[in-house]
Amino acid sequence: MKILIVDDEPKIAETVKAYLEADGYDTQIAASGVEALRLFREQAPDLVLLDLMLPDIDGEQVCTLIRAESDVPVVMLTAKSAEDSFLKGFSVGADDYVTKPFSPKVLVAKVGAVLRRTAKDEPQTLFSTHDIELNDIEHTVVKNGAEIELTPSEYNILLTLLKSPGAVFSRRQLIQNALGGGFTGDERMIDSYIKQLRAKIEDDTRNPKIILTVHGFGYKSGK
């Protein structure tokens, strides 16, 4: 699998490259946002490791541009640890975060976990509710005939809910069933994913019909 490493610190980039290649990945390095977008479009990597602080375009902008074209997994590399920074990253489509300084071995394990949980497994069937149709053969979500672009994590959360209509999932259960054991964020990050999903699929986010909140328990899909 191909990994694009986007970091303007050569020592960090080369260290990450060495560890990933030792684990069997094919890697390329970009030292700026512009170079990252060029390599992304030319090479179509399977995952992007994206530094938040870049010399030209910041990582959040790069992630937004990548997400406009692809659902490839994006893992942010950042020296910032504030919750607001994490939430903003998730809102523009990041799938996970690694905070600097980090262990290269832990980073490689994180990459493997994110790739596993965002892998497009053999699809099973179609799921639909309230003008939404999820096609797990083509990994598409369509509303009133128009396709909706979701991140892999958003897609997996929606699929988990639609597979069991009316069943209530706690935040922890959604993490286990939709995001996998490699997810290391706070359980409350599920609320951010749900907020982003609702913004994309609900007619009225104040009165959702597709993803319902069960106060004190978690979330379920509308019937």
N, C-alpha and C. Protein backbone atom coordinates (compact mmCIF):
# COMPACT_ATOMS: atom_id res chain seq x y z
N MET A 1 0.83 -1.20 0.00
CA MET A 1 0.00 0.00 0.00
C MET A 1 0.87 1.25 0.00
N LYS A 2 0.36 2.31 -0.61
CA LYS A 2 1.13 3.55 -0.76
C LYS A 2 0.71 4.57 0.30
N ILE A 3 1.72 5.13 0.97
CA ILE A 3 1.48 6.13 2.00
C ILE A 3 2.17 7.43 1.58
N LEU A 4 1.43 8.53 1.62
CA LEU A 4 2.01 9.85 1.36
C LEU A 4 2.26 10.53 2.70
N ILE A 5 3.54 10.85 2.96
CA ILE A 5 3.95 11.52 4.20
C ILE A 5 4.11 13.00 3.90
N VAL A 6 3.35 13.84 4.59
CA VAL A 6 3.41 15.29 4.34
C VAL A 6 3.93 15.95 5.62
N ASP A 7 5.18 16.36 5.58
CA ASP A 7 5.81 16.98 6.75
C ASP A 7 7.02 17.77 6.28
N ASP A 8 7.17 19.00 6.76
CA ASP A 8 8.29 19.84 6.33
C ASP A 8 9.51 19.70 7.23
N GLU A 9 9.47 18.78 8.19
CA GLU A 9 10.64 18.50 9.02
C GLU A 9 11.32 17.24 8.49
N PRO A 10 12.46 17.38 7.80
CA PRO A 10 13.09 16.24 7.12
C PRO A 10 13.39 15.07 8.04
N LYS A 11 13.86 15.34 9.26
CA LYS A 11 14.20 14.23 10.16
C LYS A 11 12.97 13.39 10.49
N ILE A 12 11.88 14.05 10.78
CA ILE A 12 10.64 13.33 11.11
C ILE A 12 10.15 12.56 9.89
N ALA A 13 10.12 13.22 8.74
CA ALA A 13 9.63 12.57 7.52
C ALA A 13 10.46 11.35 7.16
N GLU A 14 11.78 11.47 7.23
CA GLU A 14 12.65 10.35 6.87
C GLU A 14 12.54 9.20 7.87
N THR A 15 12.38 9.54 9.15
CA THR A 15 12.22 8.50 10.16
C THR A 15 10.92 7.72 9.94
N VAL A 16 9.84 8.46 9.71
CA VAL A 16 8.54 7.82 9.45
C VAL A 16 8.63 6.96 8.19
N LYS A 17 9.26 7.49 7.16
CA LYS A 17 9.43 6.75 5.90
C LYS A 17 10.16 5.43 6.13
N ALA A 18 11.25 5.48 6.90
CA ALA A 18 12.04 4.27 7.16
C ALA A 18 11.22 3.21 7.89
N TYR A 19 10.48 3.62 8.90
CA TYR A 19 9.68 2.66 9.67
C TYR A 19 8.54 2.09 8.84
N LEU A 20 7.90 2.92 8.04
CA LEU A 20 6.79 2.43 7.21
C LEU A 20 7.30 1.46 6.14
N GLU A 21 8.43 1.81 5.52
CA GLU A 21 8.96 0.93 4.49
C GLU A 21 9.45 -0.39 5.07
N ALA A 22 9.95 -0.35 6.30
CA ALA A 22 10.35 -1.59 6.97
C ALA A 22 9.15 -2.49 7.22
N ASP A 23 7.97 -1.88 7.30
CA ASP A 23 6.74 -2.65 7.51
C ASP A 23 6.05 -3.01 6.20
N GLY A 24 6.71 -2.69 5.08
CA GLY A 24 6.20 -3.13 3.79
C GLY A 24 5.42 -2.11 3.00
N TYR A 25 5.35 -0.86 3.48
CA TYR A 25 4.61 0.17 2.75
C TYR A 25 5.50 0.86 1.72
N ASP A 26 4.89 1.33 0.65
CA ASP A 26 5.56 2.16 -0.36
C ASP A 26 5.27 3.61 0.01
N THR A 27 6.30 4.43 0.18
CA THR A 27 6.08 5.79 0.69
C THR A 27 6.65 6.86 -0.22
N GLN A 28 6.06 8.04 -0.10
CA GLN A 28 6.60 9.25 -0.72
C GLN A 28 6.48 10.38 0.29
N ILE A 29 7.36 11.38 0.16
CA ILE A 29 7.38 12.51 1.08
C ILE A 29 7.08 13.79 0.33
N ALA A 30 6.24 14.62 0.93
CA ALA A 30 5.98 15.98 0.45
C ALA A 30 6.30 16.94 1.59
N ALA A 31 7.02 18.01 1.29
CA ALA A 31 7.44 18.96 2.32
C ALA A 31 6.55 20.21 2.36
N SER A 32 5.53 20.26 1.52
CA SER A 32 4.64 21.42 1.50
C SER A 32 3.25 20.98 1.08
N GLY A 33 2.27 21.85 1.30
CA GLY A 33 0.92 21.53 0.92
C GLY A 33 0.75 21.41 -0.59
N VAL A 34 1.37 22.30 -1.34
CA VAL A 34 1.27 22.27 -2.80
C VAL A 34 1.86 20.98 -3.35
N GLU A 35 3.04 20.60 -2.84
CA GLU A 35 3.66 19.35 -3.29
C GLU A 35 2.80 18.15 -2.89
N ALA A 36 2.20 18.21 -1.72
CA ALA A 36 1.35 17.11 -1.25
C ALA A 36 0.17 16.90 -2.19
N LEU A 37 -0.47 17.99 -2.59
CA LEU A 37 -1.62 17.87 -3.49
C LEU A 37 -1.20 17.34 -4.86
N ARG A 38 -0.04 17.76 -5.32
CA ARG A 38 0.45 17.26 -6.61
C ARG A 38 0.70 15.76 -6.55
N LEU A 39 1.43 15.31 -5.53
CA LEU A 39 1.73 13.89 -5.40
C LEU A 39 0.47 13.08 -5.14
N PHE A 40 -0.45 13.65 -4.37
CA PHE A 40 -1.71 12.95 -4.11
C PHE A 40 -2.45 12.66 -5.42
N ARG A 41 -2.52 13.65 -6.28
CA ARG A 41 -3.24 13.48 -7.55
C ARG A 41 -2.50 12.59 -8.52
N GLU A 42 -1.17 12.60 -8.45
CA GLU A 42 -0.38 11.77 -9.36
C GLU A 42 -0.29 10.32 -8.91
N GLN A 43 -0.18 10.09 -7.61
CA GLN A 43 0.14 8.77 -7.10
C GLN A 43 -1.05 8.02 -6.49
N ALA A 44 -2.13 8.72 -6.15
CA ALA A 44 -3.32 8.09 -5.54
C ALA A 44 -2.94 7.18 -4.37
N PRO A 45 -2.39 7.74 -3.29
CA PRO A 45 -1.98 6.92 -2.15
C PRO A 45 -3.17 6.30 -1.44
N ASP A 46 -2.89 5.25 -0.65
CA ASP A 46 -3.93 4.57 0.12
C ASP A 46 -4.19 5.25 1.46
N LEU A 47 -3.25 6.08 1.91
CA LEU A 47 -3.40 6.83 3.17
C LEU A 47 -2.46 8.02 3.13
N VAL A 48 -2.89 9.12 3.76
CA VAL A 48 -2.06 10.33 3.84
C VAL A 48 -1.77 10.63 5.30
N LEU A 49 -0.48 10.74 5.64
CA LEU A 49 -0.05 11.24 6.94
C LEU A 49 0.22 12.73 6.76
N LEU A 50 -0.56 13.57 7.40
CA LEU A 50 -0.58 15.00 7.06
C LEU A 50 -0.25 15.87 8.26
N ASP A 51 0.90 16.55 8.19
CA ASP A 51 1.29 17.48 9.26
C ASP A 51 0.35 18.68 9.24
N LEU A 52 -0.02 19.15 10.42
CA LEU A 52 -0.93 20.28 10.52
C LEU A 52 -0.26 21.58 10.12
N MET A 53 1.02 21.74 10.49
CA MET A 53 1.75 23.00 10.25
C MET A 53 2.66 22.82 9.04
N LEU A 54 2.33 23.48 7.94
CA LEU A 54 3.12 23.41 6.72
C LEU A 54 3.51 24.83 6.30
N PRO A 55 4.55 24.98 5.48
CA PRO A 55 5.05 26.33 5.17
C PRO A 55 4.16 27.14 4.23
N ASP A 56 3.26 26.49 3.49
CA ASP A 56 2.45 27.25 2.55
C ASP A 56 0.96 27.12 2.86
N ILE A 57 0.39 25.94 2.64
CA ILE A 57 -1.02 25.69 2.94
C ILE A 57 -1.08 24.85 4.21
N ASP A 58 -1.90 25.24 5.19
CA ASP A 58 -1.92 24.44 6.42
C ASP A 58 -2.62 23.11 6.18
N GLY A 59 -2.35 22.16 7.08
CA GLY A 59 -2.84 20.80 6.92
C GLY A 59 -4.35 20.70 6.82
N GLU A 60 -5.07 21.55 7.53
CA GLU A 60 -6.53 21.51 7.48
C GLU A 60 -7.03 21.88 6.08
N GLN A 61 -6.39 22.88 5.44
CA GLN A 61 -6.77 23.25 4.08
C GLN A 61 -6.45 22.12 3.10
N VAL A 62 -5.28 21.51 3.28
CA VAL A 62 -4.90 20.38 2.41
C VAL A 62 -5.90 19.25 2.57
N CYS A 63 -6.29 18.95 3.81
CA CYS A 63 -7.25 17.89 4.06
C CYS A 63 -8.59 18.20 3.39
N THR A 64 -9.02 19.44 3.49
CA THR A 64 -10.28 19.85 2.85
C THR A 64 -10.22 19.62 1.34
N LEU A 65 -9.11 19.97 0.72
CA LEU A 65 -8.97 19.81 -0.73
C LEU A 65 -8.89 18.33 -1.11
N ILE A 66 -8.20 17.53 -0.30
CA ILE A 66 -8.15 16.09 -0.56
C ILE A 66 -9.53 15.48 -0.43
N ARG A 67 -10.24 15.89 0.64
CA ARG A 67 -11.56 15.30 0.89
C ARG A 67 -12.57 15.66 -0.20
N ALA A 68 -12.35 16.80 -0.88
CA ALA A 68 -13.24 17.18 -1.98
C ALA A 68 -13.09 16.25 -3.18
N GLU A 69 -11.96 15.52 -3.22
CA GLU A 69 -11.68 14.65 -4.36
C GLU A 69 -11.72 13.17 -4.02
N SER A 70 -11.57 12.82 -2.74
CA SER A 70 -11.36 11.42 -2.40
C SER A 70 -11.76 11.12 -0.97
N ASP A 71 -12.04 9.84 -0.69
CA ASP A 71 -12.31 9.40 0.68
C ASP A 71 -11.12 8.66 1.28
N VAL A 72 -9.92 8.88 0.70
CA VAL A 72 -8.72 8.24 1.21
C VAL A 72 -8.53 8.59 2.69
N PRO A 73 -8.13 7.64 3.54
CA PRO A 73 -7.90 7.95 4.95
C PRO A 73 -6.81 9.00 5.14
N VAL A 74 -7.06 9.94 6.06
CA VAL A 74 -6.10 10.99 6.38
C VAL A 74 -5.84 10.98 7.89
N VAL A 75 -4.57 10.84 8.27
CA VAL A 75 -4.17 10.89 9.67
C VAL A 75 -3.35 12.16 9.87
N MET A 76 -3.82 13.03 10.75
CA MET A 76 -3.13 14.29 11.02
C MET A 76 -1.96 14.08 11.97
N LEU A 77 -0.85 14.74 11.69
CA LEU A 77 0.30 14.78 12.59
C LEU A 77 0.37 16.21 13.14
N THR A 78 0.32 16.34 14.45
CA THR A 78 0.24 17.69 15.00
C THR A 78 0.91 17.80 16.35
N ALA A 79 1.50 18.98 16.59
CA ALA A 79 2.06 19.28 17.90
C ALA A 79 1.00 19.87 18.82
N LYS A 80 -0.16 20.20 18.25
CA LYS A 80 -1.25 20.76 19.03
C LYS A 80 -2.07 19.64 19.66
N SER A 81 -2.50 19.84 20.89
CA SER A 81 -3.29 18.80 21.56
C SER A 81 -4.64 19.32 22.04
N ALA A 82 -4.96 20.57 21.71
CA ALA A 82 -6.22 21.15 22.17
C ALA A 82 -7.39 20.45 21.49
N GLU A 83 -8.48 20.28 22.25
CA GLU A 83 -9.66 19.60 21.72
C GLU A 83 -10.20 20.32 20.49
N ASP A 84 -10.18 21.66 20.49
CA ASP A 84 -10.69 22.42 19.36
C ASP A 84 -9.95 22.07 18.08
N SER A 85 -8.63 21.86 18.21
CA SER A 85 -7.83 21.50 17.05
C SER A 85 -8.25 20.15 16.51
N PHE A 86 -8.48 19.19 17.42
CA PHE A 86 -8.92 17.86 17.00
C PHE A 86 -10.27 17.93 16.31
N LEU A 87 -11.20 18.66 16.93
CA LEU A 87 -12.55 18.75 16.38
C LEU A 87 -12.55 19.40 15.00
N LYS A 88 -11.73 20.44 14.82
CA LYS A 88 -11.66 21.09 13.52
C LYS A 88 -11.11 20.13 12.48
N GLY A 89 -10.10 19.35 12.86
CA GLY A 89 -9.53 18.37 11.94
C GLY A 89 -10.55 17.33 11.53
N PHE A 90 -11.30 16.81 12.49
CA PHE A 90 -12.34 15.84 12.16
C PHE A 90 -13.41 16.47 11.28
N SER A 91 -13.72 17.73 11.51
CA SER A 91 -14.78 18.38 10.74
C SER A 91 -14.40 18.54 9.28
N VAL A 92 -13.10 18.62 8.97
CA VAL A 92 -12.69 18.75 7.57
C VAL A 92 -12.34 17.40 6.95
N GLY A 93 -12.53 16.31 7.72
CA GLY A 93 -12.41 14.99 7.12
C GLY A 93 -11.28 14.12 7.60
N ALA A 94 -10.50 14.56 8.61
CA ALA A 94 -9.44 13.70 9.13
C ALA A 94 -10.05 12.46 9.78
N ASP A 95 -9.36 11.34 9.64
CA ASP A 95 -9.84 10.09 10.22
C ASP A 95 -9.25 9.81 11.60
N ASP A 96 -8.09 10.38 11.88
CA ASP A 96 -7.47 10.17 13.19
C ASP A 96 -6.35 11.18 13.35
N TYR A 97 -5.80 11.23 14.57
CA TYR A 97 -4.73 12.16 14.92
C TYR A 97 -3.58 11.41 15.57
N VAL A 98 -2.37 11.90 15.36
CA VAL A 98 -1.20 11.47 16.12
C VAL A 98 -0.52 12.75 16.61
N THR A 99 -0.31 12.86 17.91
CA THR A 99 0.26 14.07 18.49
C THR A 99 1.78 13.93 18.63
N LYS A 100 2.50 14.94 18.17
CA LYS A 100 3.96 14.97 18.31
C LYS A 100 4.33 15.36 19.74
N PRO A 101 5.43 14.82 20.26
CA PRO A 101 6.27 13.78 19.68
C PRO A 101 5.59 12.41 19.77
N PHE A 102 5.90 11.53 18.83
CA PHE A 102 5.26 10.22 18.81
C PHE A 102 6.32 9.14 18.60
N SER A 103 5.96 7.92 18.96
CA SER A 103 6.81 6.76 18.71
C SER A 103 6.57 6.31 17.27
N PRO A 104 7.63 6.17 16.45
CA PRO A 104 7.43 5.69 15.07
C PRO A 104 6.73 4.33 15.02
N LYS A 105 7.02 3.45 15.99
CA LYS A 105 6.37 2.14 16.01
C LYS A 105 4.88 2.27 16.27
N VAL A 106 4.52 3.18 17.17
CA VAL A 106 3.10 3.41 17.45
C VAL A 106 2.43 4.01 16.22
N LEU A 107 3.13 4.91 15.52
CA LEU A 107 2.56 5.50 14.31
C LEU A 107 2.30 4.44 13.25
N VAL A 108 3.24 3.52 13.06
CA VAL A 108 3.04 2.44 12.08
C VAL A 108 1.83 1.59 12.47
N ALA A 109 1.70 1.30 13.77
CA ALA A 109 0.54 0.54 14.24
C ALA A 109 -0.76 1.30 13.98
N LYS A 110 -0.72 2.61 14.19
CA LYS A 110 -1.89 3.46 13.94
C LYS A 110 -2.27 3.42 12.47
N VAL A 111 -1.28 3.52 11.59
CA VAL A 111 -1.54 3.47 10.15
C VAL A 111 -2.25 2.16 9.78
N GLY A 112 -1.73 1.05 10.30
CA GLY A 112 -2.36 -0.24 10.02
C GLY A 112 -3.79 -0.31 10.51
N ALA A 113 -4.03 0.24 11.71
CA ALA A 113 -5.37 0.21 12.30
C ALA A 113 -6.35 1.05 11.47
N VAL A 114 -5.91 2.24 11.05
CA VAL A 114 -6.78 3.11 10.26
C VAL A 114 -7.08 2.46 8.91
N LEU A 115 -6.09 1.85 8.28
CA LEU A 115 -6.32 1.19 7.00
C LEU A 115 -7.29 0.02 7.15
N ARG A 116 -7.18 -0.71 8.26
CA ARG A 116 -8.10 -1.84 8.47
C ARG A 116 -9.53 -1.36 8.67
N ARG A 117 -9.70 -0.31 9.47
CA ARG A 117 -11.07 0.10 9.78
C ARG A 117 -11.71 0.88 8.64
N THR A 118 -10.91 1.41 7.71
CA THR A 118 -11.49 2.12 6.57
C THR A 118 -11.47 1.27 5.30
N ALA A 119 -11.03 0.01 5.42
CA ALA A 119 -10.98 -0.86 4.25
C ALA A 119 -12.38 -1.09 3.69
N LYS A 120 -12.46 -1.16 2.39
CA LYS A 120 -13.74 -1.42 1.73
C LYS A 120 -13.90 -2.94 1.58
N ASP A 121 -14.53 -3.54 2.58
CA ASP A 121 -14.76 -4.98 2.55
C ASP A 121 -15.78 -5.33 1.47
N GLU A 122 -15.89 -6.66 1.21
CA GLU A 122 -16.90 -7.10 0.26
C GLU A 122 -18.27 -6.68 0.74
N PRO A 123 -19.00 -5.94 -0.07
CA PRO A 123 -20.30 -5.44 0.34
C PRO A 123 -21.35 -6.53 0.46
N GLN A 124 -22.40 -6.22 1.20
CA GLN A 124 -23.43 -7.22 1.47
C GLN A 124 -24.76 -6.88 0.78
N THR A 125 -25.26 -5.67 0.98
CA THR A 125 -26.61 -5.40 0.52
C THR A 125 -26.87 -3.90 0.49
N LEU A 126 -28.13 -3.54 0.31
CA LEU A 126 -28.57 -2.15 0.30
C LEU A 126 -29.31 -1.83 1.59
N PHE A 127 -29.15 -0.60 2.07
CA PHE A 127 -29.86 -0.16 3.27
C PHE A 127 -30.47 1.20 2.96
N SER A 128 -31.69 1.42 3.41
CA SER A 128 -32.34 2.69 3.11
C SER A 128 -33.26 3.12 4.23
N THR A 129 -33.42 4.44 4.35
CA THR A 129 -34.36 5.03 5.30
C THR A 129 -34.51 6.51 4.97
N HIS A 130 -35.72 7.04 5.02
CA HIS A 130 -35.97 8.48 4.85
C HIS A 130 -35.21 9.09 3.67
N ASP A 131 -35.42 8.53 2.48
CA ASP A 131 -34.84 9.05 1.23
C ASP A 131 -33.33 8.86 1.13
N ILE A 132 -32.74 8.13 2.07
CA ILE A 132 -31.31 7.81 2.01
C ILE A 132 -31.16 6.36 1.59
N GLU A 133 -30.27 6.11 0.63
CA GLU A 133 -29.95 4.73 0.25
C GLU A 133 -28.44 4.52 0.31
N LEU A 134 -28.03 3.56 1.11
CA LEU A 134 -26.61 3.22 1.23
C LEU A 134 -26.38 1.92 0.47
N ASN A 135 -25.51 1.97 -0.51
CA ASN A 135 -25.17 0.82 -1.34
C ASN A 135 -23.81 0.30 -0.91
N ASP A 136 -23.82 -0.81 -0.18
CA ASP A 136 -22.55 -1.34 0.32
C ASP A 136 -21.84 -2.20 -0.71
N ILE A 137 -22.41 -2.27 -1.93
CA ILE A 137 -21.71 -2.90 -3.05
C ILE A 137 -20.77 -1.87 -3.68
N GLU A 138 -21.29 -0.65 -3.85
CA GLU A 138 -20.51 0.41 -4.49
C GLU A 138 -19.94 1.40 -3.47
N HIS A 139 -20.27 1.21 -2.18
CA HIS A 139 -19.85 2.15 -1.12
C HIS A 139 -20.28 3.57 -1.46
N THR A 140 -21.56 3.71 -1.76
CA THR A 140 -22.12 5.02 -2.05
C THR A 140 -23.31 5.29 -1.14
N VAL A 141 -23.56 6.58 -0.91
CA VAL A 141 -24.75 7.02 -0.17
C VAL A 141 -25.46 8.04 -1.05
N VAL A 142 -26.74 7.77 -1.32
CA VAL A 142 -27.51 8.61 -2.23
C VAL A 142 -28.75 9.13 -1.50
N LYS A 143 -29.03 10.41 -1.67
CA LYS A 143 -30.22 11.03 -1.11
C LYS A 143 -31.00 11.71 -2.22
N ASN A 144 -32.23 11.28 -2.43
CA ASN A 144 -33.07 11.84 -3.49
C ASN A 144 -32.36 11.88 -4.84
N GLY A 145 -31.61 10.81 -5.13
CA GLY A 145 -30.94 10.68 -6.42
C GLY A 145 -29.58 11.33 -6.52
N ALA A 146 -29.16 12.07 -5.50
CA ALA A 146 -27.86 12.75 -5.52
C ALA A 146 -26.90 12.06 -4.56
N GLU A 147 -25.70 11.76 -5.05
CA GLU A 147 -24.71 11.08 -4.21
C GLU A 147 -24.13 12.05 -3.19
N ILE A 148 -23.95 11.56 -1.96
CA ILE A 148 -23.41 12.34 -0.86
C ILE A 148 -22.01 11.83 -0.54
N GLU A 149 -21.05 12.74 -0.49
CA GLU A 149 -19.67 12.35 -0.18
C GLU A 149 -19.48 12.26 1.34
N LEU A 150 -19.09 11.07 1.81
CA LEU A 150 -18.82 10.85 3.23
C LEU A 150 -17.38 10.40 3.40
N THR A 151 -16.79 10.73 4.54
CA THR A 151 -15.48 10.18 4.87
C THR A 151 -15.66 8.70 5.21
N PRO A 152 -14.59 7.90 5.18
CA PRO A 152 -14.72 6.49 5.55
C PRO A 152 -15.33 6.29 6.94
N SER A 153 -14.92 7.11 7.90
CA SER A 153 -15.46 6.97 9.26
C SER A 153 -16.95 7.30 9.30
N GLU A 154 -17.34 8.37 8.61
CA GLU A 154 -18.76 8.74 8.56
C GLU A 154 -19.57 7.62 7.91
N TYR A 155 -19.04 7.08 6.82
CA TYR A 155 -19.73 6.00 6.10
C TYR A 155 -19.93 4.79 7.02
N ASN A 156 -18.87 4.41 7.74
CA ASN A 156 -18.95 3.23 8.60
C ASN A 156 -19.94 3.43 9.76
N ILE A 157 -20.00 4.64 10.29
CA ILE A 157 -20.97 4.92 11.35
C ILE A 157 -22.39 4.81 10.81
N LEU A 158 -22.64 5.41 9.64
CA LEU A 158 -23.97 5.34 9.04
C LEU A 158 -24.34 3.91 8.70
N LEU A 159 -23.41 3.15 8.14
CA LEU A 159 -23.66 1.75 7.81
C LEU A 159 -24.01 0.96 9.06
N THR A 160 -23.27 1.17 10.15
CA THR A 160 -23.54 0.45 11.40
C THR A 160 -24.96 0.72 11.88
N LEU A 161 -25.38 1.98 11.83
CA LEU A 161 -26.72 2.33 12.29
C LEU A 161 -27.80 1.77 11.37
N LEU A 162 -27.59 1.87 10.06
CA LEU A 162 -28.62 1.40 9.12
C LEU A 162 -28.73 -0.11 9.08
N LYS A 163 -27.65 -0.82 9.41
CA LYS A 163 -27.71 -2.28 9.44
C LYS A 163 -28.64 -2.79 10.53
N SER A 164 -28.82 -2.00 11.59
CA SER A 164 -29.66 -2.42 12.72
C SER A 164 -30.67 -1.32 13.02
N PRO A 165 -31.69 -1.16 12.15
CA PRO A 165 -32.64 -0.06 12.32
C PRO A 165 -33.35 -0.12 13.66
N GLY A 166 -33.32 1.02 14.36
CA GLY A 166 -33.99 1.11 15.66
C GLY A 166 -33.13 0.67 16.83
N ALA A 167 -32.03 -0.03 16.57
CA ALA A 167 -31.16 -0.48 17.66
C ALA A 167 -30.35 0.70 18.18
N VAL A 168 -30.23 0.81 19.50
CA VAL A 168 -29.50 1.92 20.12
C VAL A 168 -28.04 1.53 20.32
N PHE A 169 -27.14 2.38 19.85
CA PHE A 169 -25.71 2.17 20.00
C PHE A 169 -25.14 3.25 20.92
N SER A 170 -24.40 2.84 21.94
CA SER A 170 -23.67 3.81 22.76
C SER A 170 -22.48 4.33 21.96
N ARG A 171 -21.85 5.39 22.45
CA ARG A 171 -20.65 5.90 21.78
C ARG A 171 -19.58 4.81 21.69
N ARG A 172 -19.39 4.09 22.78
CA ARG A 172 -18.37 3.03 22.79
C ARG A 172 -18.70 1.94 21.77
N GLN A 173 -19.98 1.58 21.66
CA GLN A 173 -20.38 0.55 20.70
C GLN A 173 -20.16 1.02 19.27
N LEU A 174 -20.43 2.31 19.01
CA LEU A 174 -20.17 2.83 17.67
C LEU A 174 -18.69 2.81 17.34
N ILE A 175 -17.87 3.14 18.33
CA ILE A 175 -16.42 3.08 18.12
C ILE A 175 -16.00 1.65 17.79
N GLN A 176 -16.49 0.68 18.56
CA GLN A 176 -16.11 -0.71 18.35
C GLN A 176 -16.62 -1.26 17.03
N ASN A 177 -17.87 -0.94 16.68
CA ASN A 177 -18.49 -1.51 15.49
C ASN A 177 -18.15 -0.77 14.21
N ALA A 178 -17.99 0.56 14.30
CA ALA A 178 -17.79 1.36 13.09
C ALA A 178 -16.35 1.80 12.88
N LEU A 179 -15.64 2.10 13.96
CA LEU A 179 -14.30 2.67 13.83
C LEU A 179 -13.19 1.68 14.15
N GLY A 180 -13.52 0.61 14.85
CA GLY A 180 -12.52 -0.42 15.12
C GLY A 180 -11.67 -0.13 16.34
N GLY A 181 -10.94 -1.15 16.76
CA GLY A 181 -10.13 -1.07 17.97
C GLY A 181 -8.97 -0.11 17.88
N GLY A 182 -8.61 0.32 16.66
CA GLY A 182 -7.47 1.23 16.52
C GLY A 182 -7.80 2.67 16.83
N PHE A 183 -9.09 2.99 17.00
CA PHE A 183 -9.46 4.37 17.30
C PHE A 183 -9.02 4.73 18.72
N THR A 184 -8.30 5.85 18.86
CA THR A 184 -7.74 6.22 20.16
C THR A 184 -8.27 7.55 20.68
N GLY A 185 -9.23 8.14 19.97
CA GLY A 185 -9.78 9.41 20.41
C GLY A 185 -10.75 9.26 21.56
N ASP A 186 -11.18 10.38 22.10
CA ASP A 186 -12.17 10.39 23.16
C ASP A 186 -13.52 9.92 22.60
N GLU A 187 -14.32 9.24 23.46
CA GLU A 187 -15.63 8.75 23.02
C GLU A 187 -16.50 9.89 22.51
N ARG A 188 -16.32 11.09 23.04
CA ARG A 188 -17.13 12.23 22.65
C ARG A 188 -16.88 12.64 21.19
N MET A 189 -15.79 12.15 20.61
CA MET A 189 -15.55 12.45 19.20
C MET A 189 -16.67 11.89 18.33
N ILE A 190 -17.36 10.84 18.80
CA ILE A 190 -18.49 10.29 18.06
C ILE A 190 -19.54 11.38 17.83
N ASP A 191 -19.74 12.25 18.83
CA ASP A 191 -20.71 13.33 18.69
C ASP A 191 -20.34 14.24 17.51
N SER A 192 -19.03 14.47 17.32
CA SER A 192 -18.58 15.31 16.22
C SER A 192 -18.87 14.63 14.88
N TYR A 193 -18.60 13.32 14.81
CA TYR A 193 -18.91 12.57 13.59
C TYR A 193 -20.40 12.64 13.28
N ILE A 194 -21.23 12.44 14.31
CA ILE A 194 -22.68 12.47 14.11
C ILE A 194 -23.13 13.85 13.62
N LYS A 195 -22.55 14.90 14.20
CA LYS A 195 -22.90 16.26 13.78
C LYS A 195 -22.58 16.47 12.31
N GLN A 196 -21.39 16.00 11.89
CA GLN A 196 -21.00 16.16 10.49
C GLN A 196 -21.89 15.33 9.57
N LEU A 197 -22.23 14.11 10.00
CA LEU A 197 -23.12 13.26 9.21
C LEU A 197 -24.48 13.92 9.02
N ARG A 198 -25.04 14.41 10.11
CA ARG A 198 -26.35 15.05 10.03
C ARG A 198 -26.34 16.25 9.09
N ALA A 199 -25.26 17.01 9.12
CA ALA A 199 -25.16 18.17 8.23
C ALA A 199 -25.21 17.76 6.77
N LYS A 200 -24.76 16.54 6.49
CA LYS A 200 -24.71 16.07 5.10
C LYS A 200 -25.98 15.35 4.66
N ILE A 201 -26.68 14.68 5.60
CA ILE A 201 -27.77 13.80 5.16
C ILE A 201 -29.16 14.20 5.65
N GLU A 202 -29.25 15.05 6.66
CA GLU A 202 -30.55 15.42 7.21
C GLU A 202 -31.11 16.65 6.49
N ASP A 203 -32.44 16.70 6.31
CA ASP A 203 -33.08 17.90 5.78
C ASP A 203 -33.07 19.02 6.81
N ASP A 204 -33.24 18.64 8.08
CA ASP A 204 -33.29 19.61 9.17
C ASP A 204 -32.48 19.04 10.34
N THR A 205 -31.29 19.58 10.56
CA THR A 205 -30.42 19.03 11.61
C THR A 205 -31.00 19.24 13.01
N ARG A 206 -31.92 20.22 13.15
CA ARG A 206 -32.55 20.44 14.45
C ARG A 206 -33.64 19.41 14.74
N ASN A 207 -34.12 18.77 13.67
CA ASN A 207 -35.17 17.76 13.81
C ASN A 207 -34.80 16.54 12.96
N PRO A 208 -33.72 15.85 13.34
CA PRO A 208 -33.22 14.75 12.50
C PRO A 208 -34.19 13.59 12.42
N LYS A 209 -34.20 12.94 11.24
CA LYS A 209 -35.04 11.78 11.02
C LYS A 209 -34.24 10.51 10.75
N ILE A 210 -33.00 10.70 10.32
CA ILE A 210 -32.18 9.55 9.91
C ILE A 210 -31.34 9.03 11.07
N ILE A 211 -30.67 9.93 11.79
CA ILE A 211 -29.88 9.55 12.97
C ILE A 211 -30.50 10.23 14.18
N LEU A 212 -31.03 9.43 15.08
CA LEU A 212 -31.74 9.94 16.25
C LEU A 212 -30.89 9.83 17.49
N THR A 213 -30.98 10.82 18.36
CA THR A 213 -30.32 10.78 19.67
C THR A 213 -31.25 10.13 20.68
N VAL A 214 -30.71 9.15 21.40
CA VAL A 214 -31.45 8.54 22.51
C VAL A 214 -30.77 9.04 23.78
N HIS A 215 -31.34 10.05 24.40
CA HIS A 215 -30.69 10.75 25.51
C HIS A 215 -30.35 9.78 26.65
N GLY A 216 -29.12 9.87 27.10
CA GLY A 216 -28.64 9.02 28.17
C GLY A 216 -28.12 7.67 27.70
N PHE A 217 -28.28 7.38 26.38
CA PHE A 217 -27.83 6.07 25.87
C PHE A 217 -26.89 6.20 24.66
N GLY A 218 -27.34 6.91 23.62
CA GLY A 218 -26.50 6.99 22.43
C GLY A 218 -27.30 7.39 21.22
N TYR A 219 -27.16 6.62 20.12
CA TYR A 219 -27.77 6.98 18.86
C TYR A 219 -28.41 5.75 18.22
N LYS A 220 -29.41 6.00 17.35
CA LYS A 220 -30.02 4.94 16.56
C LYS A 220 -30.48 5.53 15.24
N SER A 221 -30.77 4.66 14.27
CA SER A 221 -31.29 5.13 13.00
C SER A 221 -32.79 5.22 13.06
N GLY A 222 -33.34 6.19 12.33
CA GLY A 222 -34.79 6.31 12.25
C GLY A 222 -35.36 5.21 11.38
N LYS A 223 -36.57 4.80 11.66
CA LYS A 223 -37.19 3.72 10.89
C LYS A 223 -37.97 4.30 9.70
